[in-house]
Amino acid sequence: MAHTAPRTAVRSRRHEAHGAASPTGRAGRRHPLVATAMVLPLAALLLYAFGGFEAVATHASSVGVMLGR
């Protein structure tokens, strides 16, 4: 617990340096909806390419049978 202050100081210096390099002047993370919109097309492509829809349906069916439905 006593060593948390030095890490915080180093972390804040990194953020200051990163913010100066940002072209918009805004440092931080993306909004979760923007990140979701970026990853969904790739996720859908991977599901289609590797048969993910069938795998999910098979697993869901197995779980349903195991639960007695």
PDB file of N, CA and C in Angstrom:
ATOM      1  N   MET A   1       0.816  -1.189   0.000  1.00  0.00           N
ATOM      2  CA  MET A   1       0.000   0.000   0.000  1.00  0.00           C
ATOM      3  C   MET A   1       0.863   1.258   0.000  1.00  0.00           C
ATOM      4  N   ALA A   2       2.026   1.175   0.646  1.00  0.00           N
ATOM      5  CA  ALA A   2       2.876   2.351   0.767  1.00  0.00           C
ATOM      6  C   ALA A   2       3.518   2.737  -0.557  1.00  0.00           C
ATOM      7  N   HIS A   3       3.555   1.825  -1.517  1.00  0.00           N
ATOM      8  CA  HIS A   3       4.233   2.091  -2.782  1.00  0.00           C
ATOM      9  C   HIS A   3       3.285   2.547  -3.888  1.00  0.00           C
ATOM     10  N   THR A   4       2.067   2.890  -3.581  1.00  0.00           N
ATOM     11  CA  THR A   4       1.131   3.295  -4.631  1.00  0.00           C
ATOM     12  C   THR A   4       1.359   4.719  -5.105  1.00  0.00           C
ATOM     13  N   ALA A   5       1.854   5.593  -4.255  1.00  0.00           N
ATOM     14  CA  ALA A   5       2.056   6.993  -4.649  1.00  0.00           C
ATOM     15  C   ALA A   5       3.095   7.152  -5.757  1.00  0.00           C
ATOM     16  N   PRO A   6       4.247   6.486  -5.710  1.00  0.00           N
ATOM     17  CA  PRO A   6       5.205   6.642  -6.805  1.00  0.00           C
ATOM     18  C   PRO A   6       4.651   6.160  -8.144  1.00  0.00           C
ATOM     19  N   ARG A   7       3.888   5.074  -8.146  1.00  0.00           N
ATOM     20  CA  ARG A   7       3.319   4.596  -9.411  1.00  0.00           C
ATOM     21  C   ARG A   7       2.320   5.597  -9.956  1.00  0.00           C
ATOM     22  N   THR A   8       1.551   6.232  -9.094  1.00  0.00           N
ATOM     23  CA  THR A   8       0.573   7.221  -9.542  1.00  0.00           C
ATOM     24  C   THR A   8       1.273   8.397 -10.201  1.00  0.00           C
ATOM     25  N   ALA A   9       2.386   8.842  -9.634  1.00  0.00           N
ATOM     26  CA  ALA A   9       3.131   9.961 -10.211  1.00  0.00           C
ATOM     27  C   ALA A   9       3.674   9.593 -11.584  1.00  0.00           C
ATOM     28  N   VAL A  10       4.197   8.384 -11.727  1.00  0.00           N
ATOM     29  CA  VAL A  10       4.715   7.945 -13.030  1.00  0.00           C
ATOM     30  C   VAL A  10       3.582   7.839 -14.032  1.00  0.00           C
ATOM     31  N   ARG A  11       2.462   7.296 -13.604  1.00  0.00           N
ATOM     32  CA  ARG A  11       1.321   7.132 -14.486  1.00  0.00           C
ATOM     33  C   ARG A  11       0.804   8.488 -14.967  1.00  0.00           C
ATOM     34  N   SER A  12       0.756   9.494 -14.077  1.00  0.00           N
ATOM     35  CA  SER A  12       0.256  10.808 -14.483  1.00  0.00           C
ATOM     36  C   SER A  12       1.217  11.473 -15.454  1.00  0.00           C
ATOM     37  N   ARG A  13       2.519  11.229 -15.300  1.00  0.00           N
ATOM     38  CA  ARG A  13       3.490  11.780 -16.261  1.00  0.00           C
ATOM     39  C   ARG A  13       3.309  11.158 -17.630  1.00  0.00           C
ATOM     40  N   ARG A  14       3.009   9.862 -17.672  1.00  0.00           N
ATOM     41  CA  ARG A  14       2.769   9.206 -18.958  1.00  0.00           C
ATOM     42  C   ARG A  14       1.542   9.795 -19.642  1.00  0.00           C
ATOM     43  N   HIS A  15       0.488  10.037 -18.871  1.00  0.00           N
ATOM     44  CA  HIS A  15      -0.736  10.598 -19.442  1.00  0.00           C
ATOM     45  C   HIS A  15      -0.500  11.998 -19.978  1.00  0.00           C
ATOM     46  N   GLU A  16       0.293  12.785 -19.274  1.00  0.00           N
ATOM     47  CA  GLU A  16       0.595  14.133 -19.746  1.00  0.00           C
ATOM     48  C   GLU A  16       1.371  14.075 -21.052  1.00  0.00           C
ATOM     49  N   ALA A  17       2.327  13.181 -21.149  1.00  0.00           N
ATOM     50  CA  ALA A  17       3.120  13.045 -22.368  1.00  0.00           C
ATOM     51  C   ALA A  17       2.255  12.547 -23.511  1.00  0.00           C
ATOM     52  N   HIS A  18       1.368  11.618 -23.229  1.00  0.00           N
ATOM     53  CA  HIS A  18       0.489  11.084 -24.266  1.00  0.00           C
ATOM     54  C   HIS A  18      -0.488  12.154 -24.751  1.00  0.00           C
ATOM     55  N   GLY A  19      -1.002  12.947 -23.839  1.00  0.00           N
ATOM     56  CA  GLY A  19      -1.952  13.996 -24.217  1.00  0.00           C
ATOM     57  C   GLY A  19      -1.325  15.048 -25.109  1.00  0.00           C
ATOM     58  N   ALA A  20      -0.045  15.338 -24.913  1.00  0.00           N
ATOM     59  CA  ALA A  20       0.632  16.330 -25.734  1.00  0.00           C
ATOM     60  C   ALA A  20       0.827  15.826 -27.152  1.00  0.00           C
ATOM     61  N   ALA A  21       0.953  14.502 -27.328  1.00  0.00           N
ATOM     62  CA  ALA A  21       1.178  13.947 -28.655  1.00  0.00           C
ATOM     63  C   ALA A  21      -0.127  13.766 -29.427  1.00  0.00           C
ATOM     64  N   SER A  22      -1.247  13.865 -28.765  1.00  0.00           N
ATOM     65  CA  SER A  22      -2.534  13.662 -29.412  1.00  0.00           C
ATOM     66  C   SER A  22      -2.863  14.834 -30.322  1.00  0.00           C
ATOM     67  N   PRO A  23      -3.237  14.578 -31.589  1.00  0.00           N
ATOM     68  CA  PRO A  23      -3.513  15.673 -32.506  1.00  0.00           C
ATOM     69  C   PRO A  23      -4.742  16.498 -32.124  1.00  0.00           C
ATOM     70  N   THR A  24      -5.708  15.886 -31.477  1.00  0.00           N
ATOM     71  CA  THR A  24      -6.913  16.619 -31.090  1.00  0.00           C
ATOM     72  C   THR A  24      -6.757  17.290 -29.738  1.00  0.00           C
ATOM     73  N   GLY A  25      -5.708  16.926 -29.008  1.00  0.00           N
ATOM     74  CA  GLY A  25      -5.503  17.479 -27.684  1.00  0.00           C
ATOM     75  C   GLY A  25      -6.336  16.786 -26.629  1.00  0.00           C
ATOM     76  N   ARG A  26      -7.016  15.732 -27.017  1.00  0.00           N
ATOM     77  CA  ARG A  26      -7.886  15.012 -26.091  1.00  0.00           C
ATOM     78  C   ARG A  26      -7.281  13.645 -25.787  1.00  0.00           C
ATOM     79  N   ALA A  27      -6.950  13.428 -24.558  1.00  0.00           N
ATOM     80  CA  ALA A  27      -6.395  12.143 -24.154  1.00  0.00           C
ATOM     81  C   ALA A  27      -7.496  11.326 -23.494  1.00  0.00           C
ATOM     82  N   GLY A  28      -7.454  10.015 -23.669  1.00  0.00           N
ATOM     83  CA  GLY A  28      -8.429   9.165 -23.014  1.00  0.00           C
ATOM     84  C   GLY A  28      -8.792   7.984 -23.873  1.00  0.00           C
ATOM     85  N   ARG A  29      -9.807   7.269 -23.424  1.00  0.00           N
ATOM     86  CA  ARG A  29     -10.229   6.074 -24.135  1.00  0.00           C
ATOM     87  C   ARG A  29     -11.416   6.374 -25.025  1.00  0.00           C
ATOM     88  N   ARG A  30     -11.701   5.439 -25.926  1.00  0.00           N
ATOM     89  CA  ARG A  30     -12.873   5.563 -26.793  1.00  0.00           C
ATOM     90  C   ARG A  30     -14.140   5.303 -25.990  1.00  0.00           C
ATOM     91  N   HIS A  31     -15.229   5.848 -26.482  1.00  0.00           N
ATOM     92  CA  HIS A  31     -16.532   5.551 -25.897  1.00  0.00           C
ATOM     93  C   HIS A  31     -16.837   4.076 -26.156  1.00  0.00           C
ATOM     94  N   PRO A  32     -17.452   3.380 -25.222  1.00  0.00           N
ATOM     95  CA  PRO A  32     -17.726   1.950 -25.414  1.00  0.00           C
ATOM     96  C   PRO A  32     -18.565   1.645 -26.652  1.00  0.00           C
ATOM     97  N   LEU A  33     -19.490   2.518 -27.014  1.00  0.00           N
ATOM     98  CA  LEU A  33     -20.291   2.268 -28.214  1.00  0.00           C
ATOM     99  C   LEU A  33     -19.452   2.371 -29.481  1.00  0.00           C
ATOM    100  N   VAL A  34     -18.499   3.283 -29.497  1.00  0.00           N
ATOM    101  CA  VAL A  34     -17.609   3.407 -30.652  1.00  0.00           C
ATOM    102  C   VAL A  34     -16.744   2.162 -30.772  1.00  0.00           C
ATOM    103  N   ALA A  35     -16.211   1.690 -29.653  1.00  0.00           N
ATOM    104  CA  ALA A  35     -15.395   0.478 -29.666  1.00  0.00           C
ATOM    105  C   ALA A  35     -16.220  -0.725 -30.121  1.00  0.00           C
ATOM    106  N   THR A  36     -17.462  -0.804 -29.670  1.00  0.00           N
ATOM    107  CA  THR A  36     -18.339  -1.894 -30.081  1.00  0.00           C
ATOM    108  C   THR A  36     -18.615  -1.840 -31.573  1.00  0.00           C
ATOM    109  N   ALA A  37     -18.897  -0.655 -32.094  1.00  0.00           N
ATOM    110  CA  ALA A  37     -19.161  -0.501 -33.524  1.00  0.00           C
ATOM    111  C   ALA A  37     -17.936  -0.859 -34.362  1.00  0.00           C
ATOM    112  N   MET A  38     -16.757  -0.658 -33.819  1.00  0.00           N
ATOM    113  CA  MET A  38     -15.536  -0.991 -34.546  1.00  0.00           C
ATOM    114  C   MET A  38     -15.295  -2.499 -34.587  1.00  0.00           C
ATOM    115  N   VAL A  39     -15.646  -3.203 -33.532  1.00  0.00           N
ATOM    116  CA  VAL A  39     -15.302  -4.621 -33.445  1.00  0.00           C
ATOM    117  C   VAL A  39     -16.409  -5.536 -33.987  1.00  0.00           C
ATOM    118  N   LEU A  40     -17.640  -5.085 -34.036  1.00  0.00           N
ATOM    119  CA  LEU A  40     -18.732  -5.963 -34.467  1.00  0.00           C
ATOM    120  C   LEU A  40     -18.574  -6.508 -35.885  1.00  0.00           C
ATOM    121  N   PRO A  41     -18.189  -5.708 -36.885  1.00  0.00           N
ATOM    122  CA  PRO A  41     -18.027  -6.287 -38.229  1.00  0.00           C
ATOM    123  C   PRO A  41     -16.980  -7.414 -38.274  1.00  0.00           C
ATOM    124  N   LEU A  42     -15.870  -7.233 -37.588  1.00  0.00           N
ATOM    125  CA  LEU A  42     -14.855  -8.275 -37.556  1.00  0.00           C
ATOM    126  C   LEU A  42     -15.370  -9.510 -36.816  1.00  0.00           C
ATOM    127  N   ALA A  43     -16.064  -9.305 -35.721  1.00  0.00           N
ATOM    128  CA  ALA A  43     -16.609 -10.438 -34.969  1.00  0.00           C
ATOM    129  C   ALA A  43     -17.602 -11.230 -35.814  1.00  0.00           C
ATOM    130  N   ALA A  44     -18.457 -10.529 -36.549  1.00  0.00           N
ATOM    131  CA  ALA A  44     -19.427 -11.210 -37.415  1.00  0.00           C
ATOM    132  C   ALA A  44     -18.715 -11.996 -38.520  1.00  0.00           C
ATOM    133  N   LEU A  45     -17.680 -11.411 -39.101  1.00  0.00           N
ATOM    134  CA  LEU A  45     -16.917 -12.103 -40.141  1.00  0.00           C
ATOM    135  C   LEU A  45     -16.264 -13.364 -39.589  1.00  0.00           C
ATOM    136  N   LEU A  46     -15.671 -13.269 -38.408  1.00  0.00           N
ATOM    137  CA  LEU A  46     -15.035 -14.442 -37.813  1.00  0.00           C
ATOM    138  C   LEU A  46     -16.057 -15.524 -37.451  1.00  0.00           C
ATOM    139  N   LEU A  47     -17.206 -15.108 -36.950  1.00  0.00           N
ATOM    140  CA  LEU A  47     -18.258 -16.087 -36.655  1.00  0.00           C
ATOM    141  C   LEU A  47     -18.686 -16.822 -37.912  1.00  0.00           C
ATOM    142  N   TYR A  48     -18.863 -16.079 -38.991  1.00  0.00           N
ATOM    143  CA  TYR A  48     -19.283 -16.690 -40.258  1.00  0.00           C
ATOM    144  C   TYR A  48     -18.183 -17.593 -40.822  1.00  0.00           C
ATOM    145  N   ALA A  49     -16.943 -17.113 -40.796  1.00  0.00           N
ATOM    146  CA  ALA A  49     -15.832 -17.852 -41.401  1.00  0.00           C
ATOM    147  C   ALA A  49     -15.553 -19.166 -40.675  1.00  0.00           C
ATOM    148  N   PHE A  50     -15.701 -19.193 -39.366  1.00  0.00           N
ATOM    149  CA  PHE A  50     -15.353 -20.386 -38.606  1.00  0.00           C
ATOM    150  C   PHE A  50     -16.571 -21.157 -38.113  1.00  0.00           C
ATOM    151  N   GLY A  51     -17.741 -20.868 -38.653  1.00  0.00           N
ATOM    152  CA  GLY A  51     -18.932 -21.621 -38.279  1.00  0.00           C
ATOM    153  C   GLY A  51     -19.392 -21.365 -36.867  1.00  0.00           C
ATOM    154  N   GLY A  52     -19.231 -20.158 -36.380  1.00  0.00           N
ATOM    155  CA  GLY A  52     -19.574 -19.827 -35.011  1.00  0.00           C
ATOM    156  C   GLY A  52     -21.050 -19.926 -34.707  1.00  0.00           C
ATOM    157  N   PHE A  53     -21.890 -19.598 -35.693  1.00  0.00           N
ATOM    158  CA  PHE A  53     -23.332 -19.652 -35.449  1.00  0.00           C
ATOM    159  C   PHE A  53     -23.769 -21.085 -35.160  1.00  0.00           C
ATOM    160  N   GLU A  54     -23.242 -22.034 -35.917  1.00  0.00           N
ATOM    161  CA  GLU A  54     -23.588 -23.430 -35.683  1.00  0.00           C
ATOM    162  C   GLU A  54     -23.051 -23.911 -34.339  1.00  0.00           C
ATOM    163  N   ALA A  55     -21.866 -23.477 -33.980  1.00  0.00           N
ATOM    164  CA  ALA A  55     -21.278 -23.892 -32.703  1.00  0.00           C
ATOM    165  C   ALA A  55     -22.103 -23.360 -31.535  1.00  0.00           C
ATOM    166  N   VAL A  56     -22.529 -22.101 -31.629  1.00  0.00           N
ATOM    167  CA  VAL A  56     -23.343 -21.523 -30.557  1.00  0.00           C
ATOM    168  C   VAL A  56     -24.681 -22.251 -30.462  1.00  0.00           C
ATOM    169  N   ALA A  57     -25.294 -22.555 -31.599  1.00  0.00           N
ATOM    170  CA  ALA A  57     -26.572 -23.267 -31.594  1.00  0.00           C
ATOM    171  C   ALA A  57     -26.407 -24.660 -31.000  1.00  0.00           C
ATOM    172  N   THR A  58     -25.321 -25.343 -31.349  1.00  0.00           N
ATOM    173  CA  THR A  58     -25.068 -26.680 -30.814  1.00  0.00           C
ATOM    174  C   THR A  58     -24.876 -26.640 -29.308  1.00  0.00           C
ATOM    175  N   HIS A  59     -24.077 -25.690 -28.845  1.00  0.00           N
ATOM    176  CA  HIS A  59     -23.839 -25.581 -27.405  1.00  0.00           C
ATOM    177  C   HIS A  59     -25.119 -25.217 -26.659  1.00  0.00           C
ATOM    178  N   ALA A  60     -25.892 -24.307 -27.215  1.00  0.00           N
ATOM    179  CA  ALA A  60     -27.146 -23.915 -26.566  1.00  0.00           C
ATOM    180  C   ALA A  60     -28.097 -25.103 -26.489  1.00  0.00           C
ATOM    181  N   SER A  61     -28.126 -25.905 -27.550  1.00  0.00           N
ATOM    182  CA  SER A  61     -28.979 -27.088 -27.543  1.00  0.00           C
ATOM    183  C   SER A  61     -28.512 -28.087 -26.488  1.00  0.00           C
ATOM    184  N   SER A  62     -27.206 -28.262 -26.381  1.00  0.00           N
ATOM    185  CA  SER A  62     -26.651 -29.186 -25.386  1.00  0.00           C
ATOM    186  C   SER A  62     -26.978 -28.729 -23.967  1.00  0.00           C
ATOM    187  N   VAL A  63     -26.859 -27.457 -23.723  1.00  0.00           N
ATOM    188  CA  VAL A  63     -27.172 -26.919 -22.402  1.00  0.00           C
ATOM    189  C   VAL A  63     -28.661 -27.100 -22.113  1.00  0.00           C
ATOM    190  N   GLY A  64     -29.490 -26.852 -23.117  1.00  0.00           N
ATOM    191  CA  GLY A  64     -30.926 -27.045 -22.939  1.00  0.00           C
ATOM    192  C   GLY A  64     -31.278 -28.480 -22.593  1.00  0.00           C
ATOM    193  N   VAL A  65     -30.647 -29.431 -23.268  1.00  0.00           N
ATOM    194  CA  VAL A  65     -30.894 -30.854 -22.990  1.00  0.00           C
ATOM    195  C   VAL A  65     -30.405 -31.193 -21.576  1.00  0.00           C
ATOM    196  N   MET A  66     -29.231 -30.650 -21.218  1.00  0.00           N
ATOM    197  CA  MET A  66     -28.684 -30.924 -19.896  1.00  0.00           C
ATOM    198  C   MET A  66     -29.609 -30.392 -18.796  1.00  0.00           C
ATOM    199  N   LEU A  67     -30.239 -29.233 -19.049  1.00  0.00           N
ATOM    200  CA  LEU A  67     -31.152 -28.668 -18.063  1.00  0.00           C
ATOM    201  C   LEU A  67     -32.538 -29.311 -18.100  1.00  0.00           C
ATOM    202  N   GLY A  68     -32.759 -30.170 -19.069  1.00  0.00           N
ATOM    203  CA  GLY A  68     -34.036 -30.872 -19.153  1.00  0.00           C
ATOM    204  C   GLY A  68     -35.110 -30.124 -19.909  1.00  0.00           C
ATOM    205  N   ARG A  69     -34.721 -29.304 -20.848  1.00  0.00           N
ATOM    206  CA  ARG A  69     -35.730 -28.565 -21.624  1.00  0.00           C
ATOM    207  C   ARG A  69     -35.797 -29.062 -23.032  1.00  0.00           C
TER     208      ARG A  69
END
